[in-house]
Amino acid sequence: NQAKTNLEQIEQNMMVQVRGAIRAVETSLESVRLSELSTQLSVKQYGLQKAQFDAGLATSRDVLQALSDLGNARVAELQAKVSLRTAYANLYQIDGTLLQRFNVVVPDESTMTATSLQPVDVNPAPPRP
């Protein structure tokens, strides 16, 4: 009976984690959509300010502010896209498909050798001339 209760609790916890991960993906998708719209608006606003500047109706400060706003919008869009990828990765980890989705094969213990467990130098020294 205790084992059954523990199993039910684990299943409930998993469902909570899955629902949370799905919600995070949905929220991130909406964030990406809104940030893309913000970037599009900033592009138009910058174009408008530049045209007004060219016509003598805006200052260079106005154009620079619009350009800064555009840069900020692009950064926010990239951050939203990174958050979306992170949310997907968390969901894939929870549902157990993360390694499969990225074609990662984990060797089983019988095929592992001492040499296969050596650390890999990710920044090797450049070759000598």
Protein backbone atom coordinates (compact mmCIF):
# COMPACT_ATOMS: atom_id res chain seq x y z
CA ASN A 1 0.00 0.00 0.00
CA GLN A 2 2.88 2.37 0.82
CA ALA A 3 4.53 1.56 -2.52
CA LYS A 4 1.28 2.31 -4.35
CA THR A 5 0.95 5.64 -2.54
CA ASN A 6 4.55 6.52 -3.40
CA LEU A 7 3.98 5.62 -7.04
CA GLU A 8 0.84 7.79 -7.20
CA GLN A 9 2.73 10.68 -5.63
CA ILE A 10 5.55 10.32 -8.16
CA GLU A 11 3.03 10.26 -11.01
CA GLN A 12 1.33 13.38 -9.67
CA ASN A 13 4.68 15.16 -9.35
CA MET A 14 5.54 14.20 -12.92
CA MET A 15 2.21 15.54 -14.17
CA VAL A 16 2.83 18.83 -12.35
CA GLN A 17 6.30 19.06 -13.92
CA VAL A 18 4.98 18.27 -17.40
CA ARG A 19 2.16 20.81 -17.10
CA GLY A 20 4.61 23.44 -15.87
CA ALA A 21 6.99 22.71 -18.73
CA ILE A 22 4.16 22.92 -21.28
CA ARG A 23 3.02 26.20 -19.76
CA ALA A 24 6.59 27.52 -19.98
CA VAL A 25 6.73 26.60 -23.68
CA GLU A 26 3.38 28.26 -24.35
CA THR A 27 4.40 31.39 -22.46
CA SER A 28 7.72 31.51 -24.29
CA LEU A 29 6.01 31.11 -27.66
CA GLU A 30 3.79 34.10 -26.88
CA SER A 31 6.83 36.04 -25.69
CA VAL A 32 8.62 35.37 -28.98
CA ARG A 33 5.55 36.44 -30.95
CA LEU A 34 5.25 39.70 -29.00
CA SER A 35 8.96 40.44 -29.17
CA GLU A 36 8.92 39.91 -32.95
CA LEU A 37 6.06 42.40 -33.21
CA SER A 38 7.98 44.83 -31.03
CA THR A 39 11.02 44.52 -33.28
CA GLN A 40 8.88 45.14 -36.37
CA LEU A 41 7.39 48.22 -34.73
CA SER A 42 10.84 49.48 -33.77
CA VAL A 43 12.06 49.03 -37.34
CA LYS A 44 9.13 51.13 -38.59
CA GLN A 45 9.67 53.72 -35.86
CA TYR A 46 13.35 54.01 -36.76
CA GLY A 47 12.47 54.42 -40.45
CA LEU A 48 9.95 57.10 -39.57
CA GLN A 49 12.42 59.00 -37.39
CA LYS A 50 15.09 58.79 -40.08
CA ALA A 51 12.66 60.10 -42.72
CA GLN A 52 11.62 62.93 -40.41
CA PHE A 53 15.28 63.74 -39.78
CA ASP A 54 15.97 63.79 -43.53
CA ALA A 55 13.03 66.20 -43.91
CA GLY A 56 14.33 68.41 -41.09
CA LEU A 57 11.45 67.50 -38.76
CA ALA A 58 13.41 65.45 -36.20
CA THR A 59 16.75 65.75 -34.46
CA SER A 60 19.66 63.37 -34.63
CA ARG A 61 18.91 62.56 -30.99
CA ASP A 62 15.44 61.31 -32.04
CA VAL A 63 17.01 59.07 -34.68
CA LEU A 64 19.60 57.73 -32.23
CA GLN A 65 16.89 57.04 -29.65
CA ALA A 66 14.86 55.12 -32.24
CA LEU A 67 17.99 53.19 -33.22
CA SER A 68 18.67 52.38 -29.57
CA ASP A 69 15.07 51.24 -29.11
CA LEU A 70 15.47 49.01 -32.17
CA GLY A 71 18.62 47.47 -30.74
CA ASN A 72 16.87 46.84 -27.43
CA ALA A 73 13.93 45.23 -29.22
CA ARG A 74 16.25 42.93 -31.14
CA VAL A 75 18.02 41.90 -27.93
CA ALA A 76 14.67 41.23 -26.24
CA GLU A 77 13.60 39.13 -29.23
CA LEU A 78 16.78 37.05 -29.06
CA GLN A 79 16.35 36.60 -25.30
CA ALA A 80 12.77 35.43 -25.86
CA LYS A 81 13.98 32.92 -28.47
CA VAL A 82 16.66 31.61 -26.10
CA SER A 83 14.04 31.27 -23.36
CA LEU A 84 11.83 29.33 -25.77
CA ARG A 85 14.65 26.92 -26.62
CA THR A 86 15.36 26.49 -22.91
CA ALA A 87 11.69 25.80 -22.22
CA TYR A 88 11.62 23.18 -24.99
CA ALA A 89 14.81 21.59 -23.65
CA ASN A 90 13.26 21.39 -20.18
CA LEU A 91 10.13 19.80 -21.60
CA TYR A 92 12.18 17.29 -23.61
CA GLN A 93 14.20 16.45 -20.52
CA ILE A 94 11.05 15.82 -18.49
CA ASP A 95 9.42 13.67 -21.17
CA GLY A 96 12.66 11.72 -21.62
CA THR A 97 13.29 12.58 -25.27
CA LEU A 98 16.07 15.16 -24.92
CA LEU A 99 18.97 12.90 -25.87
CA GLN A 100 17.03 11.21 -28.66
CA ARG A 101 16.00 14.52 -30.21
CA PHE A 102 19.65 15.56 -30.48
CA ASN A 103 20.89 12.11 -31.56
CA VAL A 104 23.01 11.67 -28.45
CA VAL A 105 23.98 8.07 -27.83
CA VAL A 106 25.12 7.21 -24.34
CA PRO A 107 27.34 4.13 -24.35
CA ASP A 108 26.37 1.39 -21.96
CA GLU A 109 28.77 0.33 -19.22
CA SER A 110 29.93 -2.78 -21.09
CA THR A 111 31.35 -0.74 -23.98
CA MET A 112 32.95 2.00 -21.89
CA THR A 113 36.72 1.89 -21.43
CA ALA A 114 39.10 3.98 -19.40
CA THR A 115 40.15 5.88 -22.53
CA SER A 116 36.55 6.72 -23.44
CA LEU A 117 36.16 8.41 -20.06
CA GLN A 118 39.05 10.83 -20.54
CA PRO A 119 38.14 14.55 -20.52
CA VAL A 120 38.06 16.29 -23.87
CA ASP A 121 40.00 19.53 -24.27
CA VAL A 122 37.51 21.94 -25.82
CA ASN A 123 40.19 24.62 -26.32
CA PRO A 124 43.21 22.76 -27.68
CA ALA A 125 46.41 24.66 -28.27
CA PRO A 126 46.92 25.77 -31.86
CA PRO A 127 49.30 23.63 -33.91
CA ARG A 128 52.91 24.76 -33.93
CA PRO A 129 54.43 25.89 -37.22
